[in-house]
Amino acid sequence: MIKPIARRIWKAAALLALPCVCLAYDGYATGLLVSQLDVNTGSASFRIYFSGGGPVCASYTWGYLAVGDINYSTLVATILMAKTTGSTVDVTSNFDAQGFCHIYDVVVH
């Protein structure tokens, strides 16, 4: 009887831990303005510099999109629209292997 109960407890703990792992991001900043764009041929091919609000990741005030990102074209268009209209954005990001801020999600207000 002890083994089935312990197994159920482990299963419940694993299921409860999943949302925490799936929603783990290194940075979330709100109320940012797109201040500058930098396009290059490197791995961080589309850099976005922000002003206002807080840092994007730790102390970084910029983040990047990579060509291989899912919805890259849509994210670039969204950032360009926010820059053109002066709209504020919310940004969700993670540190990459080099310690730079890789943007995964953008919300325009």
C-alpha atoms as a PDB file:
ATOM      1  CA  MET A   1       0.000   0.000   0.000  1.00  0.00           C
ATOM      2  CA  ILE A   2       2.827   2.428   0.670  1.00  0.00           C
ATOM      3  CA  LYS A   3       4.292   2.132  -2.835  1.00  0.00           C
ATOM      4  CA  PRO A   4       1.090   3.069  -4.713  1.00  0.00           C
ATOM      5  CA  ILE A   5       0.569   6.089  -2.428  1.00  0.00           C
ATOM      6  CA  ALA A   6       4.163   7.234  -2.883  1.00  0.00           C
ATOM      7  CA  ARG A   7       3.827   6.802  -6.648  1.00  0.00           C
ATOM      8  CA  ARG A   8       0.666   8.966  -6.651  1.00  0.00           C
ATOM      9  CA  ILE A   9       2.413  11.659  -4.633  1.00  0.00           C
ATOM     10  CA  TRP A  10       5.334  11.731  -7.092  1.00  0.00           C
ATOM     11  CA  LYS A  11       2.965  11.927 -10.061  1.00  0.00           C
ATOM     12  CA  ALA A  12       1.037  14.791  -8.464  1.00  0.00           C
ATOM     13  CA  ALA A  13       4.267  16.639  -7.635  1.00  0.00           C
ATOM     14  CA  ALA A  14       5.523  16.228 -11.202  1.00  0.00           C
ATOM     15  CA  LEU A  15       2.272  17.542 -12.668  1.00  0.00           C
ATOM     16  CA  LEU A  16       2.276  20.544 -10.348  1.00  0.00           C
ATOM     17  CA  ALA A  17       5.895  21.364 -11.230  1.00  0.00           C
ATOM     18  CA  LEU A  18       5.284  21.438 -15.009  1.00  0.00           C
ATOM     19  CA  PRO A  19       3.693  24.911 -15.199  1.00  0.00           C
ATOM     20  CA  CYS A  20       6.623  26.379 -13.297  1.00  0.00           C
ATOM     21  CA  VAL A  21       9.124  24.948 -15.777  1.00  0.00           C
ATOM     22  CA  CYS A  22       7.109  25.953 -18.852  1.00  0.00           C
ATOM     23  CA  LEU A  23       6.659  29.547 -17.740  1.00  0.00           C
ATOM     24  CA  ALA A  24      10.227  30.237 -16.649  1.00  0.00           C
ATOM     25  CA  TYR A  25      11.643  33.364 -18.298  1.00  0.00           C
ATOM     26  CA  ASP A  26      14.669  35.457 -17.401  1.00  0.00           C
ATOM     27  CA  GLY A  27      13.073  38.779 -18.165  1.00  0.00           C
ATOM     28  CA  TYR A  28       9.710  40.458 -18.396  1.00  0.00           C
ATOM     29  CA  ALA A  29       9.540  44.212 -18.858  1.00  0.00           C
ATOM     30  CA  THR A  30       6.494  46.413 -19.387  1.00  0.00           C
ATOM     31  CA  GLY A  31       5.895  49.912 -20.688  1.00  0.00           C
ATOM     32  CA  LEU A  32       8.958  49.986 -22.952  1.00  0.00           C
ATOM     33  CA  LEU A  33       9.428  52.249 -25.958  1.00  0.00           C
ATOM     34  CA  VAL A  34      11.418  51.018 -28.973  1.00  0.00           C
ATOM     35  CA  SER A  35      14.222  53.601 -29.171  1.00  0.00           C
ATOM     36  CA  GLN A  36      16.609  52.119 -31.738  1.00  0.00           C
ATOM     37  CA  LEU A  37      16.848  49.190 -34.169  1.00  0.00           C
ATOM     38  CA  ASP A  38      20.066  47.493 -35.289  1.00  0.00           C
ATOM     39  CA  VAL A  39      19.960  45.025 -38.192  1.00  0.00           C
ATOM     40  CA  ASN A  40      23.055  42.973 -39.021  1.00  0.00           C
ATOM     41  CA  THR A  41      24.139  39.603 -40.395  1.00  0.00           C
ATOM     42  CA  GLY A  42      25.198  38.072 -37.062  1.00  0.00           C
ATOM     43  CA  SER A  43      23.347  35.570 -34.917  1.00  0.00           C
ATOM     44  CA  ALA A  44      21.513  38.386 -33.126  1.00  0.00           C
ATOM     45  CA  SER A  45      20.398  39.756 -36.485  1.00  0.00           C
ATOM     46  CA  PHE A  46      17.652  42.123 -35.296  1.00  0.00           C
ATOM     47  CA  ARG A  47      18.522  44.043 -32.126  1.00  0.00           C
ATOM     48  CA  ILE A  48      15.948  46.188 -30.407  1.00  0.00           C
ATOM     49  CA  TYR A  49      16.964  48.902 -27.954  1.00  0.00           C
ATOM     50  CA  PHE A  50      14.365  50.069 -25.448  1.00  0.00           C
ATOM     51  CA  SER A  51      13.817  53.111 -23.258  1.00  0.00           C
ATOM     52  CA  GLY A  52      11.399  53.718 -20.423  1.00  0.00           C
ATOM     53  CA  GLY A  53      10.147  50.890 -18.245  1.00  0.00           C
ATOM     54  CA  GLY A  54      12.695  48.539 -16.748  1.00  0.00           C
ATOM     55  CA  PRO A  55      15.532  46.460 -18.182  1.00  0.00           C
ATOM     56  CA  VAL A  56      14.641  43.645 -20.590  1.00  0.00           C
ATOM     57  CA  CYS A  57      16.923  41.048 -18.921  1.00  0.00           C
ATOM     58  CA  ALA A  58      18.891  41.852 -15.775  1.00  0.00           C
ATOM     59  CA  SER A  59      20.574  45.157 -16.691  1.00  0.00           C
ATOM     60  CA  TYR A  60      20.206  44.910 -20.499  1.00  0.00           C
ATOM     61  CA  THR A  61      18.178  47.636 -22.206  1.00  0.00           C
ATOM     62  CA  TRP A  62      18.240  45.731 -25.513  1.00  0.00           C
ATOM     63  CA  GLY A  63      17.269  42.331 -26.777  1.00  0.00           C
ATOM     64  CA  TYR A  64      17.369  40.511 -30.079  1.00  0.00           C
ATOM     65  CA  LEU A  65      15.399  38.348 -32.480  1.00  0.00           C
ATOM     66  CA  ALA A  66      17.148  35.664 -34.545  1.00  0.00           C
ATOM     67  CA  VAL A  67      16.172  34.750 -38.110  1.00  0.00           C
ATOM     68  CA  GLY A  68      15.425  31.165 -37.050  1.00  0.00           C
ATOM     69  CA  ASP A  69      12.870  32.208 -34.403  1.00  0.00           C
ATOM     70  CA  ILE A  70       9.304  31.013 -34.774  1.00  0.00           C
ATOM     71  CA  ASN A  71       7.208  33.945 -36.081  1.00  0.00           C
ATOM     72  CA  TYR A  72      10.376  35.980 -36.754  1.00  0.00           C
ATOM     73  CA  SER A  73       8.723  38.015 -39.521  1.00  0.00           C
ATOM     74  CA  THR A  74       5.655  38.712 -37.393  1.00  0.00           C
ATOM     75  CA  LEU A  75       7.762  39.771 -34.401  1.00  0.00           C
ATOM     76  CA  VAL A  76       9.879  42.079 -36.589  1.00  0.00           C
ATOM     77  CA  ALA A  77       6.738  43.630 -38.115  1.00  0.00           C
ATOM     78  CA  THR A  78       5.259  44.098 -34.630  1.00  0.00           C
ATOM     79  CA  ILE A  79       8.404  45.834 -33.366  1.00  0.00           C
ATOM     80  CA  LEU A  80       8.537  48.065 -36.472  1.00  0.00           C
ATOM     81  CA  MET A  81       4.889  49.023 -35.977  1.00  0.00           C
ATOM     82  CA  ALA A  82       5.504  49.839 -32.300  1.00  0.00           C
ATOM     83  CA  LYS A  83       8.518  51.992 -33.246  1.00  0.00           C
ATOM     84  CA  THR A  84       6.582  53.815 -35.969  1.00  0.00           C
ATOM     85  CA  THR A  85       3.518  54.535 -33.837  1.00  0.00           C
ATOM     86  CA  GLY A  86       5.376  55.214 -30.586  1.00  0.00           C
ATOM     87  CA  SER A  87       3.385  52.498 -28.799  1.00  0.00           C
ATOM     88  CA  THR A  88       4.662  50.947 -25.586  1.00  0.00           C
ATOM     89  CA  VAL A  89       5.491  47.245 -25.532  1.00  0.00           C
ATOM     90  CA  ASP A  90       5.831  44.444 -23.019  1.00  0.00           C
ATOM     91  CA  VAL A  91       8.694  42.031 -23.690  1.00  0.00           C
ATOM     92  CA  THR A  92       9.350  38.495 -22.442  1.00  0.00           C
ATOM     93  CA  SER A  93      12.893  37.178 -22.874  1.00  0.00           C
ATOM     94  CA  ASN A  94      15.531  34.628 -21.881  1.00  0.00           C
ATOM     95  CA  PHE A  95      19.314  34.725 -21.703  1.00  0.00           C
ATOM     96  CA  ASP A  96      20.987  32.846 -24.553  1.00  0.00           C
ATOM     97  CA  ALA A  97      24.176  30.769 -24.280  1.00  0.00           C
ATOM     98  CA  GLN A  98      26.341  33.924 -24.597  1.00  0.00           C
ATOM     99  CA  GLY A  99      24.381  35.749 -21.897  1.00  0.00           C
ATOM    100  CA  PHE A 100      22.487  38.063 -24.267  1.00  0.00           C
ATOM    101  CA  CYS A 101      18.774  38.785 -24.074  1.00  0.00           C
ATOM    102  CA  HIS A 102      16.752  36.758 -26.620  1.00  0.00           C
ATOM    103  CA  ILE A 103      13.209  38.104 -27.046  1.00  0.00           C
ATOM    104  CA  TYR A 104      10.412  35.530 -27.308  1.00  0.00           C
ATOM    105  CA  ASP A 105       7.205  37.486 -26.878  1.00  0.00           C
ATOM    106  CA  VAL A 106       6.099  41.052 -27.608  1.00  0.00           C
ATOM    107  CA  VAL A 107       2.821  42.724 -26.643  1.00  0.00           C
ATOM    108  CA  VAL A 108       1.991  46.138 -28.116  1.00  0.00           C
ATOM    109  CA  HIS A 109      -0.257  48.586 -26.260  1.00  0.00           C
END
